[in-house]
């Protein structure tokens, strides 16, 4: 089922999650246990991230050599597991960076064959590597271009104009940034770019994580004023360690409120997660009281904190 259909039919706010594939060569068993643990909350859908190749340098017999590889493959396989083993709608992330339009089309065809109805279109992180395109091949540069390609396939129009194509029917999500995308020159331009993605065919928006609900409420108001009327799902991350006090702002360009940082710095490192749980519960209660359509939780490898937050929210 499409996420937009889940949202339209819901009698109360939904709970959803985002998970990441294991590192190359990592165990699937721990991730299966994680999904089983999350499944008890009956999420109608789970996002699975996708990761392009990155450049690394490794020692070899002839000295240091440049290696290009995907550190977290497995998105397609995880989607199949979530969709068919757990009967939860999978929402794979489809990214621009590191993939040609032809590779993107292949990936979308495979998802279509698996019966997957939803995708999240995103440009992807800059990992210092954009795959060289062979002659005659091209890549999507921005998420709006990717949305357009997906919608083109929904209309039965594939890259090979001469091919007889089976139309896909993907529900497309895109990312939104309550605190502004770090590359956008200002909030107005950021909202304008989001509207372009929605106008291209996006059916709903999932926000980047935030820790101050005022950012989300302002973002929604700005979107509505700009004519963006699709559902906007707030993204929640539970602060889980002292390292994340610097890691989250650095990696996700999000602000940690002074009060949260102060409370986290007052306790022992092992107690930071308790501070994070309390903060996320307060965030969730305020968001639910405001009538949000869903709470979308960013999960890494541990479910304890998220489970406690959801249990205390009683949703």
C-alpha atoms as a PDB file:
ATOM      1  CA  UNK A   1       0.000   0.000   0.000  1.00  0.00           C
ATOM      2  CA  UNK A   2       1.156   3.534  -0.670  1.00  0.00           C
ATOM      3  CA  UNK A   3       2.227   5.626   2.307  1.00  0.00           C
ATOM      4  CA  UNK A   4      -0.242   8.338   1.296  1.00  0.00           C
ATOM      5  CA  UNK A   5      -3.014   5.729   1.527  1.00  0.00           C
ATOM      6  CA  UNK A   6      -1.834   4.673   4.990  1.00  0.00           C
ATOM      7  CA  UNK A   7      -1.929   8.311   6.084  1.00  0.00           C
ATOM      8  CA  UNK A   8      -5.366   8.915   4.592  1.00  0.00           C
ATOM      9  CA  UNK A   9      -6.873   5.832   6.272  1.00  0.00           C
ATOM     10  CA  UNK A  10      -5.235   6.306   9.671  1.00  0.00           C
ATOM     11  CA  UNK A  11      -7.508   6.913  12.652  1.00  0.00           C
ATOM     12  CA  UNK A  12      -4.581   8.165  14.747  1.00  0.00           C
ATOM     13  CA  UNK A  13      -0.988   9.321  14.117  1.00  0.00           C
ATOM     14  CA  UNK A  14       1.221   6.611  12.646  1.00  0.00           C
ATOM     15  CA  UNK A  15       4.619   5.414  13.820  1.00  0.00           C
ATOM     16  CA  UNK A  16       7.334   4.704  11.238  1.00  0.00           C
ATOM     17  CA  UNK A  17      11.075   4.095  11.217  1.00  0.00           C
ATOM     18  CA  UNK A  18      14.209   4.534   9.149  1.00  0.00           C
ATOM     19  CA  UNK A  19      16.896   1.855   9.297  1.00  0.00           C
ATOM     20  CA  UNK A  20      20.265   1.397   7.605  1.00  0.00           C
ATOM     21  CA  UNK A  21      21.766  -1.728   5.972  1.00  0.00           C
ATOM     22  CA  UNK A  22      24.680  -3.439   7.733  1.00  0.00           C
ATOM     23  CA  UNK A  23      28.223  -2.573   6.728  1.00  0.00           C
ATOM     24  CA  UNK A  24      29.655  -4.680   3.902  1.00  0.00           C
ATOM     25  CA  UNK A  25      30.184  -8.170   5.263  1.00  0.00           C
ATOM     26  CA  UNK A  26      28.177  -7.451   8.404  1.00  0.00           C
ATOM     27  CA  UNK A  27      25.685  -9.830   9.972  1.00  0.00           C
ATOM     28  CA  UNK A  28      22.067  -9.727   8.890  1.00  0.00           C
ATOM     29  CA  UNK A  29      20.965 -11.532  12.049  1.00  0.00           C
ATOM     30  CA  UNK A  30      21.258  -8.461  14.257  1.00  0.00           C
ATOM     31  CA  UNK A  31      19.302  -6.359  11.774  1.00  0.00           C
ATOM     32  CA  UNK A  32      16.555  -8.989  11.560  1.00  0.00           C
ATOM     33  CA  UNK A  33      16.291  -8.896  15.344  1.00  0.00           C
ATOM     34  CA  UNK A  34      16.089  -5.098  15.189  1.00  0.00           C
ATOM     35  CA  UNK A  35      13.258  -5.194  12.637  1.00  0.00           C
ATOM     36  CA  UNK A  36      11.402  -7.827  14.676  1.00  0.00           C
ATOM     37  CA  UNK A  37      11.685  -5.555  17.710  1.00  0.00           C
ATOM     38  CA  UNK A  38      10.367  -2.536  15.795  1.00  0.00           C
ATOM     39  CA  UNK A  39       7.557  -4.584  14.247  1.00  0.00           C
ATOM     40  CA  UNK A  40       5.809  -4.862  17.608  1.00  0.00           C
ATOM     41  CA  UNK A  41       4.808  -1.194  17.209  1.00  0.00           C
ATOM     42  CA  UNK A  42       2.953  -2.140  14.000  1.00  0.00           C
ATOM     43  CA  UNK A  43       4.596   0.449  11.729  1.00  0.00           C
ATOM     44  CA  UNK A  44       2.788   0.609   8.378  1.00  0.00           C
ATOM     45  CA  UNK A  45       6.080   1.376   6.647  1.00  0.00           C
ATOM     46  CA  UNK A  46       9.839   1.365   7.248  1.00  0.00           C
ATOM     47  CA  UNK A  47      12.407   3.389   5.302  1.00  0.00           C
ATOM     48  CA  UNK A  48      15.640   1.697   4.224  1.00  0.00           C
ATOM     49  CA  UNK A  49      18.549   3.959   3.371  1.00  0.00           C
ATOM     50  CA  UNK A  50      20.699   3.605   0.264  1.00  0.00           C
ATOM     51  CA  UNK A  51      24.402   4.349   0.037  1.00  0.00           C
ATOM     52  CA  UNK A  52      26.579   5.155  -2.988  1.00  0.00           C
ATOM     53  CA  UNK A  53      30.139   4.069  -3.485  1.00  0.00           C
ATOM     54  CA  UNK A  54      32.807   6.008  -1.607  1.00  0.00           C
ATOM     55  CA  UNK A  55      36.533   6.432  -2.068  1.00  0.00           C
ATOM     56  CA  UNK A  56      38.908   4.906   0.452  1.00  0.00           C
ATOM     57  CA  UNK A  57      42.639   4.161   0.462  1.00  0.00           C
ATOM     58  CA  UNK A  58      43.936   0.763   1.492  1.00  0.00           C
ATOM     59  CA  UNK A  59      47.406  -0.701   1.930  1.00  0.00           C
ATOM     60  CA  UNK A  60      48.313  -3.359  -0.629  1.00  0.00           C
ATOM     61  CA  UNK A  61      51.403  -5.233  -1.832  1.00  0.00           C
ATOM     62  CA  UNK A  62      52.345  -2.278  -3.992  1.00  0.00           C
ATOM     63  CA  UNK A  63      51.565   0.362  -1.396  1.00  0.00           C
ATOM     64  CA  UNK A  64      48.556   2.587  -0.912  1.00  0.00           C
ATOM     65  CA  UNK A  65      45.806   2.068  -3.475  1.00  0.00           C
ATOM     66  CA  UNK A  66      42.585   3.883  -4.214  1.00  0.00           C
ATOM     67  CA  UNK A  67      39.457   1.756  -3.706  1.00  0.00           C
ATOM     68  CA  UNK A  68      35.891   2.621  -4.711  1.00  0.00           C
ATOM     69  CA  UNK A  69      33.166   0.527  -3.105  1.00  0.00           C
ATOM     70  CA  UNK A  70      29.798   0.689  -1.403  1.00  0.00           C
ATOM     71  CA  UNK A  71      30.237   0.323   2.343  1.00  0.00           C
ATOM     72  CA  UNK A  72      26.564  -0.476   2.951  1.00  0.00           C
ATOM     73  CA  UNK A  73      25.096  -2.494   0.073  1.00  0.00           C
ATOM     74  CA  UNK A  74      21.929  -4.494   0.591  1.00  0.00           C
ATOM     75  CA  UNK A  75      19.098  -1.981   0.284  1.00  0.00           C
ATOM     76  CA  UNK A  76      17.193  -4.086  -2.241  1.00  0.00           C
ATOM     77  CA  UNK A  77      17.472  -7.279  -0.204  1.00  0.00           C
ATOM     78  CA  UNK A  78      16.353  -5.524   2.967  1.00  0.00           C
ATOM     79  CA  UNK A  79      13.363  -4.080   1.138  1.00  0.00           C
ATOM     80  CA  UNK A  80      12.340  -7.595   0.091  1.00  0.00           C
ATOM     81  CA  UNK A  81      12.648  -8.812   3.697  1.00  0.00           C
ATOM     82  CA  UNK A  82      10.663  -5.934   5.189  1.00  0.00           C
ATOM     83  CA  UNK A  83       7.992  -6.147   2.496  1.00  0.00           C
ATOM     84  CA  UNK A  84       7.502  -9.895   2.333  1.00  0.00           C
ATOM     85  CA  UNK A  85       8.870 -11.454   5.540  1.00  0.00           C
ATOM     86  CA  UNK A  86       7.443  -8.823   7.899  1.00  0.00           C
ATOM     87  CA  UNK A  87       4.478  -7.630   5.778  1.00  0.00           C
ATOM     88  CA  UNK A  88       5.489  -3.994   6.341  1.00  0.00           C
ATOM     89  CA  UNK A  89       5.634  -1.615   3.394  1.00  0.00           C
ATOM     90  CA  UNK A  90       9.262  -0.890   2.544  1.00  0.00           C
ATOM     91  CA  UNK A  91      10.312   2.604   1.484  1.00  0.00           C
ATOM     92  CA  UNK A  92      13.744   2.360  -0.145  1.00  0.00           C
ATOM     93  CA  UNK A  93      15.779   5.518  -0.562  1.00  0.00           C
ATOM     94  CA  UNK A  94      16.682   6.173  -4.182  1.00  0.00           C
ATOM     95  CA  UNK A  95      19.617   8.538  -4.565  1.00  0.00           C
ATOM     96  CA  UNK A  96      21.129  10.631  -7.321  1.00  0.00           C
ATOM     97  CA  UNK A  97      24.797  10.600  -6.382  1.00  0.00           C
ATOM     98  CA  UNK A  98      26.830   7.664  -7.610  1.00  0.00           C
ATOM     99  CA  UNK A  99      24.160   6.248  -9.925  1.00  0.00           C
ATOM    100  CA  UNK A 100      23.365   6.795 -13.581  1.00  0.00           C
ATOM    101  CA  UNK A 101      19.781   7.242 -14.741  1.00  0.00           C
ATOM    102  CA  UNK A 102      20.027   3.788 -16.297  1.00  0.00           C
ATOM    103  CA  UNK A 103      21.074   2.221 -12.982  1.00  0.00           C
ATOM    104  CA  UNK A 104      18.282   4.101 -11.236  1.00  0.00           C
ATOM    105  CA  UNK A 105      15.785   2.769 -13.755  1.00  0.00           C
ATOM    106  CA  UNK A 106      17.062  -0.782 -13.212  1.00  0.00           C
ATOM    107  CA  UNK A 107      16.708  -0.393  -9.441  1.00  0.00           C
ATOM    108  CA  UNK A 108      13.175   0.953  -9.783  1.00  0.00           C
ATOM    109  CA  UNK A 109      12.203  -1.921 -12.090  1.00  0.00           C
ATOM    110  CA  UNK A 110      13.441  -4.421  -9.496  1.00  0.00           C
ATOM    111  CA  UNK A 111      11.458  -2.639  -6.778  1.00  0.00           C
ATOM    112  CA  UNK A 112       8.389  -2.695  -9.022  1.00  0.00           C
ATOM    113  CA  UNK A 113       8.758  -6.455  -9.544  1.00  0.00           C
ATOM    114  CA  UNK A 114       8.985  -6.911  -5.760  1.00  0.00           C
ATOM    115  CA  UNK A 115       5.629  -5.182  -5.339  1.00  0.00           C
ATOM    116  CA  UNK A 116       7.122  -2.196  -3.535  1.00  0.00           C
ATOM    117  CA  UNK A 117       4.881   0.853  -3.882  1.00  0.00           C
ATOM    118  CA  UNK A 118       6.945   3.573  -2.197  1.00  0.00           C
ATOM    119  CA  UNK A 119      10.308   5.277  -2.605  1.00  0.00           C
ATOM    120  CA  UNK A 120      12.041   8.282  -1.097  1.00  0.00           C
ATOM    121  CA  UNK A 121      13.907  10.374  -3.674  1.00  0.00           C
ATOM    122  CA  UNK A 122      16.955  12.201  -2.356  1.00  0.00           C
ATOM    123  CA  UNK A 123      20.134  13.615  -3.827  1.00  0.00           C
ATOM    124  CA  UNK A 124      22.377  11.807  -1.345  1.00  0.00           C
ATOM    125  CA  UNK A 125      25.459  12.773   0.617  1.00  0.00           C
ATOM    126  CA  UNK A 126      28.591  14.011  -1.080  1.00  0.00           C
ATOM    127  CA  UNK A 127      31.151  11.314  -0.340  1.00  0.00           C
ATOM    128  CA  UNK A 128      33.734  12.694  -2.713  1.00  0.00           C
ATOM    129  CA  UNK A 129      32.876  10.321  -5.537  1.00  0.00           C
ATOM    130  CA  UNK A 130      30.537  10.706  -8.475  1.00  0.00           C
ATOM    131  CA  UNK A 131      30.721   7.746 -10.809  1.00  0.00           C
ATOM    132  CA  UNK A 132      32.122   8.661 -14.242  1.00  0.00           C
ATOM    133  CA  UNK A 133      29.356   8.264 -16.790  1.00  0.00           C
ATOM    134  CA  UNK A 134      29.991   6.204 -19.891  1.00  0.00           C
ATOM    135  CA  UNK A 135      29.192   7.841 -23.200  1.00  0.00           C
ATOM    136  CA  UNK A 136      25.458   8.112 -23.716  1.00  0.00           C
ATOM    137  CA  UNK A 137      24.684   7.853 -20.000  1.00  0.00           C
ATOM    138  CA  UNK A 138      23.596  10.622 -17.661  1.00  0.00           C
ATOM    139  CA  UNK A 139      22.774  11.111 -14.006  1.00  0.00           C
ATOM    140  CA  UNK A 140      20.143  12.921 -12.013  1.00  0.00           C
ATOM    141  CA  UNK A 141      21.773  15.942 -10.415  1.00  0.00           C
ATOM    142  CA  UNK A 142      19.086  17.009  -7.947  1.00  0.00           C
ATOM    143  CA  UNK A 143      16.230  15.227  -6.175  1.00  0.00           C
ATOM    144  CA  UNK A 144      13.701  17.089  -8.334  1.00  0.00           C
ATOM    145  CA  UNK A 145      15.273  15.414 -11.393  1.00  0.00           C
ATOM    146  CA  UNK A 146      14.955  12.030  -9.716  1.00  0.00           C
ATOM    147  CA  UNK A 147      11.291  12.662  -8.865  1.00  0.00           C
ATOM    148  CA  UNK A 148      10.700  13.540 -12.511  1.00  0.00           C
ATOM    149  CA  UNK A 149      12.314  10.270 -13.678  1.00  0.00           C
ATOM    150  CA  UNK A 150      10.202   8.214 -11.271  1.00  0.00           C
ATOM    151  CA  UNK A 151       7.011   9.955 -12.354  1.00  0.00           C
ATOM    152  CA  UNK A 152       7.980   9.409 -15.959  1.00  0.00           C
ATOM    153  CA  UNK A 153       8.180   5.677 -15.272  1.00  0.00           C
ATOM    154  CA  UNK A 154       4.815   5.892 -13.503  1.00  0.00           C
ATOM    155  CA  UNK A 155       3.527   7.158 -16.824  1.00  0.00           C
ATOM    156  CA  UNK A 156       5.078   4.232 -18.694  1.00  0.00           C
ATOM    157  CA  UNK A 157       7.903   6.324 -20.157  1.00  0.00           C
ATOM    158  CA  UNK A 158      11.301   4.676 -19.744  1.00  0.00           C
ATOM    159  CA  UNK A 159      14.709   5.860 -20.938  1.00  0.00           C
ATOM    160  CA  UNK A 160      14.460   3.682 -24.024  1.00  0.00           C
ATOM    161  CA  UNK A 161      11.729   5.517 -25.886  1.00  0.00           C
ATOM    162  CA  UNK A 162      11.263   2.564 -28.238  1.00  0.00           C
ATOM    163  CA  UNK A 163      10.582   0.035 -25.493  1.00  0.00           C
ATOM    164  CA  UNK A 164       7.100  -1.150 -24.562  1.00  0.00           C
ATOM    165  CA  UNK A 165       7.065  -0.350 -20.867  1.00  0.00           C
ATOM    166  CA  UNK A 166       4.911  -1.482 -17.962  1.00  0.00           C
ATOM    167  CA  UNK A 167       3.986   1.667 -15.985  1.00  0.00           C
ATOM    168  CA  UNK A 168       5.105   1.714 -12.373  1.00  0.00           C
ATOM    169  CA  UNK A 169       2.966   3.250  -9.626  1.00  0.00           C
ATOM    170  CA  UNK A 170       5.391   4.539  -7.021  1.00  0.00           C
ATOM    171  CA  UNK A 171       4.339   6.889  -4.255  1.00  0.00           C
ATOM    172  CA  UNK A 172       7.280   9.288  -3.989  1.00  0.00           C
ATOM    173  CA  UNK A 173       8.505  10.925  -0.794  1.00  0.00           C
ATOM    174  CA  UNK A 174      11.088  13.693  -0.565  1.00  0.00           C
ATOM    175  CA  UNK A 175      13.140  15.197   2.247  1.00  0.00           C
ATOM    176  CA  UNK A 176      12.419  18.493   3.977  1.00  0.00           C
ATOM    177  CA  UNK A 177      14.665  20.531   6.245  1.00  0.00           C
ATOM    178  CA  UNK A 178      13.008  22.370   9.154  1.00  0.00           C
ATOM    179  CA  UNK A 179      16.238  24.252   9.883  1.00  0.00           C
ATOM    180  CA  UNK A 180      17.004  24.836   6.164  1.00  0.00           C
ATOM    181  CA  UNK A 181      19.243  22.681   4.013  1.00  0.00           C
ATOM    182  CA  UNK A 182      22.810  23.739   4.718  1.00  0.00           C
ATOM    183  CA  UNK A 183      23.439  24.486   1.026  1.00  0.00           C
ATOM    184  CA  UNK A 184      20.358  26.672   0.564  1.00  0.00           C
ATOM    185  CA  UNK A 185      21.148  30.406   0.676  1.00  0.00           C
ATOM    186  CA  UNK A 186      18.020  31.172   2.724  1.00  0.00           C
ATOM    187  CA  UNK A 187      14.779  29.619   3.985  1.00  0.00           C
ATOM    188  CA  UNK A 188      12.665  31.005   1.163  1.00  0.00           C
ATOM    189  CA  UNK A 189      14.874  29.408  -1.483  1.00  0.00           C
ATOM    190  CA  UNK A 190      14.866  26.129   0.437  1.00  0.00           C
ATOM    191  CA  UNK A 191      11.050  26.100   0.497  1.00  0.00           C
ATOM    192  CA  UNK A 192      10.953  27.000  -3.199  1.00  0.00           C
ATOM    193  CA  UNK A 193      13.125  23.982  -4.005  1.00  0.00           C
ATOM    194  CA  UNK A 194      10.909  21.733  -1.897  1.00  0.00           C
ATOM    195  CA  UNK A 195       7.832  22.990  -3.730  1.00  0.00           C
ATOM    196  CA  UNK A 196       9.509  22.149  -7.030  1.00  0.00           C
ATOM    197  CA  UNK A 197       9.900  18.539  -5.830  1.00  0.00           C
ATOM    198  CA  UNK A 198       6.267  18.380  -4.767  1.00  0.00           C
ATOM    199  CA  UNK A 199       5.130  19.926  -8.045  1.00  0.00           C
ATOM    200  CA  UNK A 200       7.200  17.271  -9.857  1.00  0.00           C
ATOM    201  CA  UNK A 201       5.126  14.573  -8.184  1.00  0.00           C
ATOM    202  CA  UNK A 202       6.178  14.000  -4.568  1.00  0.00           C
ATOM    203  CA  UNK A 203       3.272  12.783  -2.450  1.00  0.00           C
ATOM    204  CA  UNK A 204       4.606  13.531   1.012  1.00  0.00           C
ATOM    205  CA  UNK A 205       7.599  14.987   2.854  1.00  0.00           C
ATOM    206  CA  UNK A 206       9.754  13.454   5.591  1.00  0.00           C
ATOM    207  CA  UNK A 207      11.801  15.948   7.558  1.00  0.00           C
ATOM    208  CA  UNK A 208      15.402  15.815   8.618  1.00  0.00           C
ATOM    209  CA  UNK A 209      15.785  15.191  12.351  1.00  0.00           C
ATOM    210  CA  UNK A 210      15.246  18.184  14.619  1.00  0.00           C
ATOM    211  CA  UNK A 211      15.284  18.671  18.373  1.00  0.00           C
ATOM    212  CA  UNK A 212      13.322  21.914  18.662  1.00  0.00           C
ATOM    213  CA  UNK A 213       9.686  21.572  17.630  1.00  0.00           C
ATOM    214  CA  UNK A 214       9.496  25.293  16.879  1.00  0.00           C
ATOM    215  CA  UNK A 215      11.598  24.611  13.778  1.00  0.00           C
ATOM    216  CA  UNK A 216       9.076  22.024  12.554  1.00  0.00           C
ATOM    217  CA  UNK A 217       6.014  24.182  13.216  1.00  0.00           C
ATOM    218  CA  UNK A 218       7.565  27.149  11.422  1.00  0.00           C
ATOM    219  CA  UNK A 219       8.604  24.902   8.546  1.00  0.00           C
ATOM    220  CA  UNK A 220       5.072  23.545   8.121  1.00  0.00           C
ATOM    221  CA  UNK A 221       3.617  27.074   8.207  1.00  0.00           C
ATOM    222  CA  UNK A 222       6.106  28.223   5.557  1.00  0.00           C
ATOM    223  CA  UNK A 223       5.290  25.196   3.389  1.00  0.00           C
ATOM    224  CA  UNK A 224       1.557  25.778   3.587  1.00  0.00           C
ATOM    225  CA  UNK A 225       2.010  29.447   2.770  1.00  0.00           C
ATOM    226  CA  UNK A 226       4.013  28.422  -0.303  1.00  0.00           C
ATOM    227  CA  UNK A 227       1.275  26.064  -1.493  1.00  0.00           C
ATOM    228  CA  UNK A 228       2.860  22.783  -0.320  1.00  0.00           C
ATOM    229  CA  UNK A 229      -0.153  20.863   0.918  1.00  0.00           C
ATOM    230  CA  UNK A 230       1.111  17.279   1.085  1.00  0.00           C
ATOM    231  CA  UNK A 231       1.609  15.518   4.469  1.00  0.00           C
ATOM    232  CA  UNK A 232       4.802  16.527   6.281  1.00  0.00           C
ATOM    233  CA  UNK A 233       6.118  13.826   8.621  1.00  0.00           C
ATOM    234  CA  UNK A 234       8.388  14.985  11.467  1.00  0.00           C
ATOM    235  CA  UNK A 235      11.671  13.096  11.829  1.00  0.00           C
ATOM    236  CA  UNK A 236      12.681  12.260  15.419  1.00  0.00           C
ATOM    237  CA  UNK A 237      16.061  11.073  16.679  1.00  0.00           C
ATOM    238  CA  UNK A 238      16.698  10.058  20.273  1.00  0.00           C
ATOM    239  CA  UNK A 239      19.968  11.483  21.586  1.00  0.00           C
ATOM    240  CA  UNK A 240      21.760   8.327  22.688  1.00  0.00           C
ATOM    241  CA  UNK A 241      25.350   9.218  23.643  1.00  0.00           C
ATOM    242  CA  UNK A 242      27.667  12.062  24.591  1.00  0.00           C
ATOM    243  CA  UNK A 243      29.430  11.698  21.215  1.00  0.00           C
ATOM    244  CA  UNK A 244      26.230  12.660  19.439  1.00  0.00           C
ATOM    245  CA  UNK A 245      26.327  16.111  21.033  1.00  0.00           C
ATOM    246  CA  UNK A 246      28.924  16.986  18.413  1.00  0.00           C
ATOM    247  CA  UNK A 247      28.322  14.223  15.871  1.00  0.00           C
ATOM    248  CA  UNK A 248      24.677  14.991  15.085  1.00  0.00           C
ATOM    249  CA  UNK A 249      25.193  18.722  14.386  1.00  0.00           C
ATOM    250  CA  UNK A 250      28.265  17.931  12.287  1.00  0.00           C
ATOM    251  CA  UNK A 251      26.732  15.127  10.234  1.00  0.00           C
ATOM    252  CA  UNK A 252      23.146  16.321   9.937  1.00  0.00           C
ATOM    253  CA  UNK A 253      23.479  20.109  10.274  1.00  0.00           C
ATOM    254  CA  UNK A 254      20.864  20.232  13.036  1.00  0.00           C
ATOM    255  CA  UNK A 255      20.822  22.401  16.146  1.00  0.00           C
ATOM    256  CA  UNK A 256      20.786  20.896  19.625  1.00  0.00           C
ATOM    257  CA  UNK A 257      18.903  23.195  22.034  1.00  0.00           C
ATOM    258  CA  UNK A 258      20.859  24.680  24.926  1.00  0.00           C
ATOM    259  CA  UNK A 259      18.607  23.005  27.496  1.00  0.00           C
ATOM    260  CA  UNK A 260      19.147  19.551  25.985  1.00  0.00           C
ATOM    261  CA  UNK A 261      22.926  20.000  25.831  1.00  0.00           C
ATOM    262  CA  UNK A 262      23.008  21.344  29.385  1.00  0.00           C
ATOM    263  CA  UNK A 263      21.069  18.361  30.723  1.00  0.00           C
ATOM    264  CA  UNK A 264      23.218  15.875  28.782  1.00  0.00           C
ATOM    265  CA  UNK A 265      26.442  17.419  30.039  1.00  0.00           C
ATOM    266  CA  UNK A 266      25.302  17.283  33.670  1.00  0.00           C
ATOM    267  CA  UNK A 267      24.970  13.501  33.778  1.00  0.00           C
ATOM    268  CA  UNK A 268      27.377  10.603  33.435  1.00  0.00           C
ATOM    269  CA  UNK A 269      27.969   9.435  29.847  1.00  0.00           C
ATOM    270  CA  UNK A 270      25.896   6.279  30.353  1.00  0.00           C
ATOM    271  CA  UNK A 271      22.925   8.410  31.466  1.00  0.00           C
ATOM    272  CA  UNK A 272      22.852  10.637  28.368  1.00  0.00           C
ATOM    273  CA  UNK A 273      20.439   8.242  26.675  1.00  0.00           C
ATOM    274  CA  UNK A 274      17.950   8.759  29.520  1.00  0.00           C
ATOM    275  CA  UNK A 275      18.123  12.515  28.922  1.00  0.00           C
ATOM    276  CA  UNK A 276      17.576  11.850  25.223  1.00  0.00           C
ATOM    277  CA  UNK A 277      14.564   9.631  25.908  1.00  0.00           C
ATOM    278  CA  UNK A 278      12.940  12.240  28.149  1.00  0.00           C
ATOM    279  CA  UNK A 279      13.529  14.922  25.513  1.00  0.00           C
ATOM    280  CA  UNK A 280      12.092  12.809  22.679  1.00  0.00           C
ATOM    281  CA  UNK A 281       9.024  11.944  24.762  1.00  0.00           C
ATOM    282  CA  UNK A 282       8.372  15.640  25.400  1.00  0.00           C
ATOM    283  CA  UNK A 283       8.906  16.370  21.704  1.00  0.00           C
ATOM    284  CA  UNK A 284       6.552  13.596  20.675  1.00  0.00           C
ATOM    285  CA  UNK A 285       3.793  14.678  23.052  1.00  0.00           C
ATOM    286  CA  UNK A 286       3.854  18.230  21.742  1.00  0.00           C
ATOM    287  CA  UNK A 287       3.878  17.067  18.120  1.00  0.00           C
ATOM    288  CA  UNK A 288       1.019  14.631  18.688  1.00  0.00           C
ATOM    289  CA  UNK A 289      -1.008  17.323  20.451  1.00  0.00           C
ATOM    290  CA  UNK A 290      -0.493  19.521  17.381  1.00  0.00           C
ATOM    291  CA  UNK A 291      -2.014  16.826  15.157  1.00  0.00           C
ATOM    292  CA  UNK A 292       0.973  15.568  13.160  1.00  0.00           C
ATOM    293  CA  UNK A 293       0.141  12.723  10.754  1.00  0.00           C
ATOM    294  CA  UNK A 294       2.961  10.494  12.013  1.00  0.00           C
ATOM    295  CA  UNK A 295       6.159  10.315  14.033  1.00  0.00           C
ATOM    296  CA  UNK A 296       9.082   9.048  11.948  1.00  0.00           C
ATOM    297  CA  UNK A 297      11.945   7.716  14.086  1.00  0.00           C
ATOM    298  CA  UNK A 298      15.543   7.527  12.893  1.00  0.00           C
ATOM    299  CA  UNK A 299      16.954   4.252  14.218  1.00  0.00           C
ATOM    300  CA  UNK A 300      20.588   3.170  14.071  1.00  0.00           C
ATOM    301  CA  UNK A 301      21.430  -0.240  15.555  1.00  0.00           C
ATOM    302  CA  UNK A 302      19.737  -0.121  18.967  1.00  0.00           C
ATOM    303  CA  UNK A 303      15.996  -0.060  19.598  1.00  0.00           C
ATOM    304  CA  UNK A 304      15.845   0.285  23.380  1.00  0.00           C
ATOM    305  CA  UNK A 305      15.624   4.065  23.448  1.00  0.00           C
ATOM    306  CA  UNK A 306      13.069   4.274  20.630  1.00  0.00           C
ATOM    307  CA  UNK A 307      10.970   1.520  22.192  1.00  0.00           C
ATOM    308  CA  UNK A 308      10.844   3.347  25.511  1.00  0.00           C
ATOM    309  CA  UNK A 309       9.879   6.616  23.844  1.00  0.00           C
ATOM    310  CA  UNK A 310       7.017   5.008  21.929  1.00  0.00           C
ATOM    311  CA  UNK A 311       5.811   3.054  24.977  1.00  0.00           C
ATOM    312  CA  UNK A 312       5.709   6.230  27.026  1.00  0.00           C
ATOM    313  CA  UNK A 313       3.870   8.087  24.271  1.00  0.00           C
ATOM    314  CA  UNK A 314       1.301   5.260  24.199  1.00  0.00           C
ATOM    315  CA  UNK A 315       0.708   5.432  20.447  1.00  0.00           C
END
